[in-house]
């Protein structure tokens, strides 16, 4: 009986740890292998509207240099260096700034990285990207961007249909396993 209860406890701890591990995929992270020098500059030119909102937790204004890079899962990438401009009050606390950026045409945007360099520690709230023929996508930061690294999200691989299906099936199996173990414990 004690071994069944121990197994039940282990099963629920395992289920929680799997859920926590999967949720960490959705958090912003440092892009270890991202290199803007590999960004394509060929092909058709499309226009993108990028809205970057600054957190109310950020400094009142920033002198930090801010760049953005985003793209799709097929290697189409857009890079916009130095979006900051202290003379126009860009990236002030509790505000949103809109940028029109031209670059290669993409399919659905699935990654975005911000680059921050400077002394102020600017904190973005979110980045929303509107592109031609695709639905707008929003990436929620709400955290400090480390200095001198590309920092953000890459859903290109994790958001594929097969991965979403696999994660969903794994959750269902684990939940069913939990019910079976809990039912067995009640019967004993």
N, C-alpha and C. Protein backbone atom coordinates (compact mmCIF):
# COMPACT_ATOMS: atom_id res chain seq x y z
N UNK A 1 0.83 -1.19 0.00
CA UNK A 1 0.00 0.00 0.00
C UNK A 1 0.87 1.25 0.00
N UNK A 2 1.94 1.24 0.82
CA UNK A 2 2.84 2.39 0.86
C UNK A 2 3.55 2.58 -0.47
N UNK A 3 3.86 1.46 -1.13
CA UNK A 3 4.56 1.57 -2.42
C UNK A 3 3.64 2.16 -3.49
N UNK A 4 2.33 1.85 -3.41
CA UNK A 4 1.37 2.41 -4.37
C UNK A 4 1.23 3.91 -4.15
N UNK A 5 1.19 4.33 -2.90
CA UNK A 5 1.10 5.76 -2.61
C UNK A 5 2.36 6.49 -3.05
N UNK A 6 3.50 5.86 -2.83
CA UNK A 6 4.77 6.45 -3.27
C UNK A 6 4.79 6.57 -4.79
N UNK A 7 4.30 5.53 -5.48
CA UNK A 7 4.23 5.57 -6.94
C UNK A 7 3.29 6.69 -7.40
N UNK A 8 2.17 6.84 -6.72
CA UNK A 8 1.21 7.91 -7.04
C UNK A 8 1.86 9.27 -6.89
N UNK A 9 2.55 9.48 -5.78
CA UNK A 9 3.23 10.74 -5.55
C UNK A 9 4.28 10.99 -6.63
N UNK A 10 5.06 9.96 -6.97
CA UNK A 10 6.07 10.09 -8.01
C UNK A 10 5.44 10.46 -9.35
N UNK A 11 4.30 9.83 -9.67
CA UNK A 11 3.61 10.11 -10.94
C UNK A 11 3.17 11.56 -11.04
N UNK A 12 2.62 12.11 -9.95
CA UNK A 12 2.16 13.49 -9.98
C UNK A 12 3.34 14.46 -10.04
N UNK A 13 4.42 14.17 -9.35
CA UNK A 13 5.62 15.01 -9.42
C UNK A 13 6.18 14.99 -10.83
N UNK A 14 6.18 13.82 -11.46
CA UNK A 14 6.67 13.69 -12.83
C UNK A 14 5.80 14.51 -13.79
N UNK A 15 4.48 14.42 -13.61
CA UNK A 15 3.55 15.18 -14.46
C UNK A 15 3.79 16.68 -14.32
N UNK A 16 3.97 17.15 -13.11
CA UNK A 16 4.22 18.58 -12.88
C UNK A 16 5.55 18.99 -13.49
N UNK A 17 6.58 18.16 -13.36
CA UNK A 17 7.89 18.52 -13.92
C UNK A 17 7.85 18.57 -15.43
N UNK A 18 7.08 17.68 -16.07
CA UNK A 18 6.94 17.72 -17.53
C UNK A 18 6.25 19.02 -17.94
N UNK A 19 5.18 19.40 -17.24
CA UNK A 19 4.46 20.63 -17.57
C UNK A 19 5.35 21.85 -17.41
N UNK A 20 6.16 21.91 -16.35
CA UNK A 20 7.07 23.03 -16.13
C UNK A 20 8.12 23.08 -17.22
N UNK A 21 8.66 21.95 -17.61
CA UNK A 21 9.68 21.91 -18.67
C UNK A 21 9.11 22.40 -19.99
N UNK A 22 7.86 22.01 -20.30
CA UNK A 22 7.24 22.46 -21.54
C UNK A 22 6.93 23.94 -21.50
N UNK A 23 6.56 24.50 -20.35
CA UNK A 23 6.23 25.92 -20.27
C UNK A 23 7.48 26.78 -20.42
N UNK A 24 8.66 26.26 -20.07
CA UNK A 24 9.88 27.04 -20.22
C UNK A 24 10.22 27.33 -21.67
N UNK A 25 9.68 26.54 -22.60
CA UNK A 25 9.88 26.78 -24.02
C UNK A 25 9.29 28.12 -24.41
N UNK A 26 8.26 28.56 -23.68
CA UNK A 26 7.55 29.78 -24.01
C UNK A 26 8.19 31.03 -23.42
N UNK A 27 9.24 30.87 -22.63
CA UNK A 27 9.92 31.99 -22.01
C UNK A 27 11.00 32.54 -22.93
N UNK A 28 11.27 33.86 -22.86
CA UNK A 28 12.38 34.39 -23.67
C UNK A 28 13.70 33.79 -23.20
N UNK A 29 14.65 33.68 -24.13
CA UNK A 29 15.94 33.07 -23.82
C UNK A 29 17.03 33.71 -24.67
N UNK A 30 18.28 33.50 -24.27
CA UNK A 30 19.42 33.97 -25.03
C UNK A 30 19.56 33.07 -26.26
N UNK A 31 19.74 33.68 -27.42
CA UNK A 31 19.91 32.93 -28.66
C UNK A 31 21.39 32.61 -28.82
N UNK A 32 21.77 31.41 -28.44
CA UNK A 32 23.18 31.01 -28.43
C UNK A 32 23.82 31.05 -29.82
N UNK A 33 23.10 30.57 -30.83
CA UNK A 33 23.72 30.44 -32.15
C UNK A 33 23.20 31.43 -33.18
N UNK A 34 22.48 32.45 -32.74
CA UNK A 34 21.91 33.42 -33.67
C UNK A 34 22.99 34.38 -34.16
N UNK A 35 23.02 34.62 -35.46
CA UNK A 35 24.04 35.47 -36.05
C UNK A 35 23.38 36.35 -37.11
N UNK A 36 23.32 37.67 -36.89
CA UNK A 36 22.65 38.54 -37.85
C UNK A 36 23.42 38.67 -39.15
N UNK A 37 24.68 38.31 -39.18
CA UNK A 37 25.43 38.42 -40.44
C UNK A 37 24.94 37.38 -41.45
N UNK A 38 24.17 36.40 -41.00
CA UNK A 38 23.62 35.38 -41.90
C UNK A 38 22.27 35.76 -42.47
N UNK A 39 21.74 36.91 -42.06
CA UNK A 39 20.42 37.33 -42.50
C UNK A 39 20.43 37.66 -43.99
N UNK A 40 19.42 37.14 -44.67
CA UNK A 40 19.31 37.33 -46.12
C UNK A 40 18.94 38.75 -46.46
N UNK A 41 19.48 39.24 -47.56
CA UNK A 41 19.13 40.57 -48.03
C UNK A 41 18.66 40.53 -49.49
N UNK A 42 18.32 39.35 -49.95
CA UNK A 42 17.89 39.17 -51.34
C UNK A 42 16.40 38.90 -51.41
N UNK A 43 15.86 38.95 -52.62
CA UNK A 43 14.46 38.59 -52.83
C UNK A 43 13.53 39.78 -52.80
N UNK A 44 12.24 39.45 -52.80
CA UNK A 44 11.21 40.48 -52.78
C UNK A 44 11.27 41.27 -51.49
N UNK A 45 10.86 42.50 -51.56
CA UNK A 45 10.83 43.34 -50.37
C UNK A 45 9.38 43.48 -49.91
N UNK A 46 9.20 43.23 -48.61
CA UNK A 46 7.88 43.38 -47.99
C UNK A 46 7.99 44.34 -46.82
N UNK A 47 6.85 44.89 -46.44
CA UNK A 47 6.81 45.84 -45.34
C UNK A 47 6.23 45.18 -44.10
N UNK A 48 6.81 45.50 -42.95
CA UNK A 48 6.37 44.95 -41.67
C UNK A 48 6.13 46.12 -40.71
N UNK A 49 5.07 46.01 -39.95
CA UNK A 49 4.83 46.97 -38.88
C UNK A 49 5.18 46.26 -37.58
N UNK A 50 6.11 46.85 -36.84
CA UNK A 50 6.56 46.27 -35.58
C UNK A 50 6.23 47.26 -34.47
N UNK A 51 5.47 46.80 -33.50
CA UNK A 51 5.11 47.63 -32.35
C UNK A 51 5.81 47.06 -31.12
N UNK A 52 6.70 47.86 -30.56
CA UNK A 52 7.43 47.44 -29.37
C UNK A 52 6.92 48.27 -28.19
N UNK A 53 6.38 47.57 -27.20
CA UNK A 53 5.88 48.24 -26.00
C UNK A 53 6.92 48.13 -24.90
N UNK A 54 7.15 49.24 -24.22
CA UNK A 54 8.10 49.27 -23.11
C UNK A 54 7.33 49.10 -21.80
N UNK A 55 7.86 48.27 -20.93
CA UNK A 55 7.22 47.97 -19.65
C UNK A 55 7.17 49.20 -18.75
N UNK A 56 6.17 49.23 -17.91
CA UNK A 56 6.09 50.29 -16.89
C UNK A 56 7.14 50.06 -15.80
N UNK A 57 7.76 48.88 -15.78
CA UNK A 57 8.84 48.58 -14.84
C UNK A 57 10.19 49.05 -15.36
N UNK A 58 10.25 49.48 -16.60
CA UNK A 58 11.50 49.94 -17.19
C UNK A 58 11.86 51.32 -16.65
N UNK A 59 13.07 51.76 -16.95
CA UNK A 59 13.45 53.11 -16.56
C UNK A 59 12.58 54.11 -17.32
N UNK A 60 12.49 55.35 -16.81
CA UNK A 60 11.62 56.36 -17.41
C UNK A 60 11.94 56.58 -18.89
N UNK A 61 13.19 56.62 -19.21
CA UNK A 61 13.64 56.69 -20.61
C UNK A 61 14.93 55.88 -20.69
N UNK A 62 15.37 55.60 -21.90
CA UNK A 62 16.58 54.80 -22.02
C UNK A 62 17.55 55.39 -23.03
N UNK A 63 18.81 55.20 -22.73
CA UNK A 63 19.88 55.54 -23.67
C UNK A 63 20.41 54.27 -24.35
N UNK A 64 19.81 53.13 -24.00
CA UNK A 64 20.25 51.86 -24.57
C UNK A 64 20.03 51.83 -26.08
N UNK A 65 20.89 51.11 -26.76
CA UNK A 65 20.74 50.90 -28.20
C UNK A 65 19.96 49.61 -28.38
N UNK A 66 18.87 49.69 -29.14
CA UNK A 66 17.95 48.56 -29.30
C UNK A 66 17.86 48.17 -30.77
N UNK A 67 18.03 46.87 -31.03
CA UNK A 67 17.87 46.32 -32.39
C UNK A 67 16.90 45.16 -32.32
N UNK A 68 16.29 44.82 -33.46
CA UNK A 68 15.36 43.70 -33.53
C UNK A 68 15.67 42.85 -34.76
N UNK A 69 15.48 41.55 -34.63
CA UNK A 69 15.58 40.63 -35.75
C UNK A 69 14.44 39.63 -35.61
N UNK A 70 13.80 39.30 -36.73
CA UNK A 70 12.69 38.35 -36.70
C UNK A 70 12.61 37.62 -38.02
N UNK A 71 11.85 36.52 -38.05
CA UNK A 71 11.73 35.78 -39.29
C UNK A 71 10.81 34.59 -39.17
N UNK A 72 10.85 33.76 -40.22
CA UNK A 72 9.99 32.58 -40.28
C UNK A 72 10.83 31.31 -40.18
N UNK A 73 10.18 30.17 -40.32
CA UNK A 73 10.86 28.89 -40.21
C UNK A 73 11.55 28.44 -41.48
N UNK A 74 11.56 29.28 -42.51
CA UNK A 74 12.15 28.92 -43.79
C UNK A 74 13.41 29.71 -44.11
N UNK A 75 13.95 30.41 -43.14
CA UNK A 75 15.19 31.15 -43.34
C UNK A 75 15.01 32.58 -43.80
N UNK A 76 13.78 33.05 -43.94
CA UNK A 76 13.54 34.45 -44.31
C UNK A 76 13.65 35.29 -43.04
N UNK A 77 14.58 36.24 -43.04
CA UNK A 77 14.90 36.98 -41.83
C UNK A 77 14.97 38.48 -42.09
N UNK A 78 14.56 39.23 -41.08
CA UNK A 78 14.57 40.69 -41.17
C UNK A 78 15.35 41.22 -39.98
N UNK A 79 16.20 42.20 -40.23
CA UNK A 79 17.03 42.78 -39.18
C UNK A 79 16.91 44.30 -39.24
N UNK A 80 16.66 44.92 -38.11
CA UNK A 80 16.58 46.37 -38.02
C UNK A 80 17.49 46.85 -36.89
N UNK A 81 18.65 47.39 -37.26
CA UNK A 81 19.58 47.86 -36.22
C UNK A 81 19.18 49.24 -35.70
N UNK A 82 19.52 49.49 -34.47
CA UNK A 82 19.40 50.81 -33.85
C UNK A 82 18.03 51.46 -34.06
N UNK A 83 17.02 50.87 -33.47
CA UNK A 83 15.69 51.47 -33.50
C UNK A 83 15.57 52.63 -32.53
N UNK A 84 16.48 52.69 -31.59
CA UNK A 84 16.42 53.71 -30.53
C UNK A 84 16.75 55.09 -31.09
N UNK A 85 16.16 56.09 -30.46
CA UNK A 85 16.46 57.48 -30.79
C UNK A 85 16.03 58.34 -29.61
N UNK A 86 16.97 58.61 -28.69
CA UNK A 86 16.61 59.37 -27.48
C UNK A 86 16.01 60.74 -27.77
N UNK A 87 16.34 61.34 -28.91
CA UNK A 87 15.80 62.67 -29.21
C UNK A 87 14.30 62.62 -29.50
N UNK A 88 13.77 61.44 -29.89
CA UNK A 88 12.33 61.32 -30.16
C UNK A 88 11.60 60.57 -29.05
N UNK A 89 12.26 60.34 -27.94
CA UNK A 89 11.68 59.69 -26.77
C UNK A 89 11.23 58.26 -27.07
N UNK A 90 12.00 57.56 -27.90
CA UNK A 90 11.73 56.17 -28.20
C UNK A 90 11.98 55.31 -26.97
N UNK A 91 11.15 54.32 -26.77
CA UNK A 91 11.28 53.34 -25.69
C UNK A 91 11.17 53.96 -24.30
N UNK A 92 10.29 54.95 -24.14
CA UNK A 92 10.02 55.48 -22.82
C UNK A 92 9.14 54.51 -22.04
N UNK A 93 9.20 54.61 -20.74
CA UNK A 93 8.42 53.78 -19.83
C UNK A 93 6.93 53.85 -20.17
N UNK A 94 6.24 52.73 -20.12
CA UNK A 94 4.78 52.63 -20.33
C UNK A 94 4.34 53.17 -21.70
N UNK A 95 5.14 52.97 -22.72
CA UNK A 95 4.77 53.49 -24.04
C UNK A 95 4.95 52.41 -25.11
N UNK A 96 4.40 52.68 -26.28
CA UNK A 96 4.57 51.80 -27.44
C UNK A 96 5.14 52.60 -28.58
N UNK A 97 6.06 52.00 -29.31
CA UNK A 97 6.67 52.64 -30.47
C UNK A 97 6.43 51.77 -31.69
N UNK A 98 6.05 52.40 -32.80
CA UNK A 98 5.73 51.68 -34.03
C UNK A 98 6.81 51.96 -35.07
N UNK A 99 7.26 50.89 -35.71
CA UNK A 99 8.32 50.98 -36.73
C UNK A 99 7.84 50.30 -38.00
N UNK A 100 8.10 50.93 -39.13
CA UNK A 100 7.86 50.32 -40.43
C UNK A 100 9.21 49.81 -40.92
N UNK A 101 9.30 48.51 -41.11
CA UNK A 101 10.57 47.87 -41.47
C UNK A 101 10.38 47.10 -42.75
N UNK A 102 11.30 47.29 -43.70
CA UNK A 102 11.26 46.56 -44.96
C UNK A 102 12.30 45.45 -44.94
N UNK A 103 11.95 44.35 -45.59
CA UNK A 103 12.88 43.22 -45.67
C UNK A 103 12.32 42.15 -46.56
N UNK A 104 12.99 41.02 -46.62
CA UNK A 104 12.51 39.92 -47.45
C UNK A 104 11.11 39.48 -47.03
N UNK A 105 10.33 39.01 -47.96
CA UNK A 105 8.99 38.52 -47.63
C UNK A 105 9.12 37.20 -46.87
N UNK A 106 8.22 36.99 -45.93
CA UNK A 106 8.27 35.80 -45.08
C UNK A 106 6.94 35.08 -45.11
N UNK A 107 6.97 33.89 -44.56
CA UNK A 107 5.73 33.19 -44.21
C UNK A 107 5.41 33.63 -42.79
N UNK A 108 4.67 32.86 -42.02
CA UNK A 108 4.29 33.26 -40.67
C UNK A 108 5.54 33.49 -39.80
N UNK A 109 5.61 34.67 -39.19
CA UNK A 109 6.72 35.00 -38.30
C UNK A 109 6.66 34.06 -37.09
N UNK A 110 7.79 33.43 -36.77
CA UNK A 110 7.80 32.50 -35.63
C UNK A 110 8.96 32.75 -34.67
N UNK A 111 9.81 33.73 -34.95
CA UNK A 111 10.82 34.08 -33.96
C UNK A 111 11.09 35.57 -33.96
N UNK A 112 11.51 36.06 -32.81
CA UNK A 112 11.94 37.46 -32.67
C UNK A 112 13.02 37.50 -31.60
N UNK A 113 14.03 38.30 -31.87
CA UNK A 113 15.10 38.54 -30.90
C UNK A 113 15.35 40.04 -30.80
N UNK A 114 15.57 40.50 -29.58
CA UNK A 114 15.96 41.88 -29.32
C UNK A 114 17.41 41.90 -28.88
N UNK A 115 18.09 42.97 -29.24
CA UNK A 115 19.48 43.18 -28.82
C UNK A 115 19.55 44.52 -28.12
N UNK A 116 20.09 44.52 -26.92
CA UNK A 116 20.19 45.74 -26.12
C UNK A 116 21.63 45.96 -25.71
N UNK A 117 22.10 47.18 -25.92
CA UNK A 117 23.43 47.55 -25.49
C UNK A 117 23.36 48.93 -24.85
N UNK A 118 23.79 49.03 -23.60
CA UNK A 118 23.75 50.33 -22.93
C UNK A 118 23.62 50.20 -21.43
N UNK A 119 23.64 51.33 -20.75
CA UNK A 119 23.71 51.33 -19.28
C UNK A 119 22.38 51.29 -18.54
N UNK A 120 21.26 51.42 -19.24
CA UNK A 120 20.00 51.67 -18.53
C UNK A 120 19.19 50.43 -18.18
N UNK A 121 19.37 49.33 -18.88
CA UNK A 121 18.61 48.12 -18.57
C UNK A 121 17.16 48.19 -19.00
N UNK A 122 16.92 48.63 -20.21
CA UNK A 122 15.57 48.75 -20.77
C UNK A 122 14.81 47.42 -20.66
N UNK A 123 13.50 47.50 -20.35
CA UNK A 123 12.66 46.31 -20.19
C UNK A 123 11.48 46.40 -21.16
N UNK A 124 11.45 45.54 -22.17
CA UNK A 124 10.29 45.53 -23.08
C UNK A 124 9.12 44.78 -22.46
N UNK A 125 7.92 45.19 -22.82
CA UNK A 125 6.72 44.45 -22.41
C UNK A 125 6.37 43.43 -23.48
N UNK A 126 6.34 43.88 -24.76
CA UNK A 126 5.99 42.96 -25.84
C UNK A 126 6.47 43.50 -27.18
N UNK A 127 6.51 42.58 -28.14
CA UNK A 127 6.81 42.92 -29.54
C UNK A 127 5.69 42.32 -30.38
N UNK A 128 5.01 43.17 -31.15
CA UNK A 128 3.93 42.71 -32.03
C UNK A 128 4.33 43.01 -33.46
N UNK A 129 4.22 42.00 -34.32
CA UNK A 129 4.66 42.14 -35.71
C UNK A 129 3.50 41.84 -36.65
N UNK A 130 3.20 42.82 -37.51
CA UNK A 130 2.21 42.66 -38.57
C UNK A 130 2.96 42.48 -39.87
N UNK A 131 2.58 41.44 -40.62
CA UNK A 131 3.23 41.21 -41.90
C UNK A 131 2.18 40.99 -42.98
N UNK A 132 2.63 41.07 -44.22
CA UNK A 132 1.76 40.90 -45.38
C UNK A 132 1.14 39.50 -45.37
N UNK A 133 -0.13 39.39 -45.54
CA UNK A 133 -0.78 38.10 -45.74
C UNK A 133 -0.71 37.12 -44.58
N UNK A 134 -0.21 37.51 -43.42
CA UNK A 134 -0.13 36.62 -42.26
C UNK A 134 -0.79 37.30 -41.07
N UNK A 135 -1.21 36.49 -40.13
CA UNK A 135 -1.79 37.10 -38.94
C UNK A 135 -0.70 37.73 -38.08
N UNK A 136 -1.09 38.76 -37.34
CA UNK A 136 -0.14 39.43 -36.45
C UNK A 136 0.28 38.45 -35.36
N UNK A 137 1.52 38.60 -34.92
CA UNK A 137 2.03 37.73 -33.86
C UNK A 137 2.61 38.61 -32.75
N UNK A 138 2.34 38.21 -31.51
CA UNK A 138 2.81 38.98 -30.36
C UNK A 138 3.71 38.10 -29.51
N UNK A 139 4.85 38.65 -29.11
CA UNK A 139 5.79 37.98 -28.23
C UNK A 139 5.85 38.78 -26.93
N UNK A 140 5.50 38.16 -25.82
CA UNK A 140 5.46 38.86 -24.52
C UNK A 140 6.76 38.66 -23.76
N UNK A 141 7.43 39.76 -23.47
CA UNK A 141 8.70 39.71 -22.74
C UNK A 141 8.46 39.93 -21.24
N UNK A 142 8.12 41.14 -20.86
CA UNK A 142 7.94 41.50 -19.45
C UNK A 142 9.13 41.10 -18.58
N UNK A 143 10.32 41.24 -19.13
CA UNK A 143 11.52 40.91 -18.38
C UNK A 143 12.70 41.71 -18.93
N UNK A 144 13.71 41.85 -18.11
CA UNK A 144 14.93 42.55 -18.48
C UNK A 144 15.63 41.83 -19.63
N UNK A 145 16.09 42.56 -20.63
CA UNK A 145 16.86 41.99 -21.73
C UNK A 145 18.34 42.09 -21.37
N UNK A 146 19.04 40.95 -21.29
CA UNK A 146 20.46 41.02 -20.95
C UNK A 146 21.24 41.86 -21.96
N UNK A 147 22.35 42.42 -21.53
CA UNK A 147 23.13 43.30 -22.39
C UNK A 147 24.00 42.51 -23.37
N UNK A 148 24.04 43.00 -24.61
CA UNK A 148 24.94 42.53 -25.66
C UNK A 148 24.74 41.07 -26.06
N UNK A 149 23.49 40.59 -26.01
CA UNK A 149 23.15 39.27 -26.53
C UNK A 149 21.80 39.37 -27.23
N UNK A 150 21.56 38.50 -28.19
CA UNK A 150 20.25 38.41 -28.81
C UNK A 150 19.37 37.62 -27.85
N UNK A 151 18.19 38.20 -27.53
CA UNK A 151 17.34 37.63 -26.49
C UNK A 151 15.90 37.64 -26.97
N UNK A 152 15.24 36.48 -26.92
CA UNK A 152 13.86 36.45 -27.37
C UNK A 152 13.28 35.07 -27.47
N UNK A 153 12.50 34.87 -28.52
CA UNK A 153 11.70 33.67 -28.69
C UNK A 153 11.96 33.04 -30.04
N UNK A 154 11.92 31.70 -30.09
CA UNK A 154 11.96 30.98 -31.35
C UNK A 154 10.96 29.85 -31.27
N UNK A 155 9.79 30.06 -31.88
CA UNK A 155 8.74 29.05 -31.90
C UNK A 155 8.76 28.27 -33.22
N UNK A 156 9.73 28.52 -34.06
CA UNK A 156 9.75 27.89 -35.38
C UNK A 156 9.76 26.37 -35.29
N UNK A 157 10.56 25.80 -34.42
CA UNK A 157 10.62 24.35 -34.29
C UNK A 157 9.59 23.83 -33.29
N UNK A 158 9.40 24.54 -32.19
CA UNK A 158 8.52 24.03 -31.14
C UNK A 158 7.05 24.16 -31.50
N UNK A 159 6.70 24.98 -32.46
CA UNK A 159 5.29 25.19 -32.79
C UNK A 159 4.83 24.35 -33.97
N UNK A 160 5.67 23.42 -34.43
CA UNK A 160 5.24 22.61 -35.56
C UNK A 160 4.08 21.71 -35.15
N UNK A 161 3.27 21.31 -36.11
CA UNK A 161 2.11 20.50 -35.81
C UNK A 161 2.48 19.20 -35.12
N UNK A 162 3.57 18.55 -35.54
CA UNK A 162 3.93 17.27 -34.93
C UNK A 162 4.34 17.46 -33.48
N UNK A 163 5.04 18.55 -33.15
CA UNK A 163 5.43 18.78 -31.76
C UNK A 163 4.22 19.10 -30.90
N UNK A 164 3.30 19.90 -31.40
CA UNK A 164 2.10 20.24 -30.64
C UNK A 164 1.29 18.98 -30.39
N UNK A 165 1.15 18.12 -31.40
CA UNK A 165 0.43 16.86 -31.24
C UNK A 165 1.13 15.96 -30.23
N UNK A 166 2.44 15.85 -30.31
CA UNK A 166 3.19 14.99 -29.39
C UNK A 166 3.05 15.48 -27.95
N UNK A 167 3.13 16.78 -27.74
CA UNK A 167 2.99 17.32 -26.39
C UNK A 167 1.58 17.06 -25.87
N UNK A 168 0.57 17.26 -26.70
CA UNK A 168 -0.81 17.01 -26.30
C UNK A 168 -1.05 15.55 -25.95
N UNK A 169 -0.56 14.65 -26.78
CA UNK A 169 -0.72 13.22 -26.51
C UNK A 169 0.01 12.81 -25.24
N UNK A 170 1.20 13.34 -25.02
CA UNK A 170 1.96 13.02 -23.82
C UNK A 170 1.20 13.48 -22.57
N UNK A 171 0.60 14.65 -22.63
CA UNK A 171 -0.18 15.14 -21.49
C UNK A 171 -1.38 14.24 -21.22
N UNK A 172 -2.07 13.82 -22.28
CA UNK A 172 -3.24 12.95 -22.11
C UNK A 172 -2.82 11.62 -21.48
N UNK A 173 -1.74 11.02 -21.97
CA UNK A 173 -1.27 9.75 -21.42
C UNK A 173 -0.90 9.91 -19.95
N UNK A 174 -0.21 10.99 -19.60
CA UNK A 174 0.18 11.20 -18.21
C UNK A 174 -1.03 11.44 -17.31
N UNK A 175 -2.01 12.17 -17.80
CA UNK A 175 -3.22 12.39 -17.01
C UNK A 175 -3.97 11.08 -16.80
N UNK A 176 -4.11 10.28 -17.87
CA UNK A 176 -4.76 8.98 -17.73
C UNK A 176 -4.01 8.08 -16.76
N UNK A 177 -2.69 8.07 -16.85
CA UNK A 177 -1.87 7.30 -15.93
C UNK A 177 -2.12 7.75 -14.50
N UNK A 178 -2.22 9.04 -14.28
CA UNK A 178 -2.50 9.57 -12.95
C UNK A 178 -3.85 9.11 -12.43
N UNK A 179 -4.89 9.10 -13.30
CA UNK A 179 -6.20 8.62 -12.87
C UNK A 179 -6.17 7.13 -12.56
N UNK A 180 -5.47 6.35 -13.37
CA UNK A 180 -5.39 4.91 -13.12
C UNK A 180 -4.70 4.63 -11.79
N UNK A 181 -3.59 5.31 -11.54
CA UNK A 181 -2.86 5.10 -10.29
C UNK A 181 -3.70 5.57 -9.11
N UNK A 182 -4.36 6.71 -9.24
CA UNK A 182 -5.21 7.21 -8.16
C UNK A 182 -6.37 6.25 -7.89
N UNK A 183 -6.98 5.71 -8.94
CA UNK A 183 -8.08 4.74 -8.78
C UNK A 183 -7.60 3.47 -8.12
N UNK A 184 -6.41 3.01 -8.52
CA UNK A 184 -5.84 1.81 -7.91
C UNK A 184 -5.58 2.04 -6.42
N UNK A 185 -5.10 3.20 -6.09
CA UNK A 185 -4.82 3.54 -4.68
C UNK A 185 -6.10 3.53 -3.87
N UNK A 186 -7.19 4.05 -4.43
CA UNK A 186 -8.46 4.10 -3.72
C UNK A 186 -9.03 2.71 -3.50
N UNK A 187 -8.79 1.81 -4.45
CA UNK A 187 -9.31 0.45 -4.32
C UNK A 187 -8.57 -0.35 -3.27
N UNK A 188 -7.32 0.01 -3.01
CA UNK A 188 -6.54 -0.73 -2.02
C UNK A 188 -6.86 -0.23 -0.68
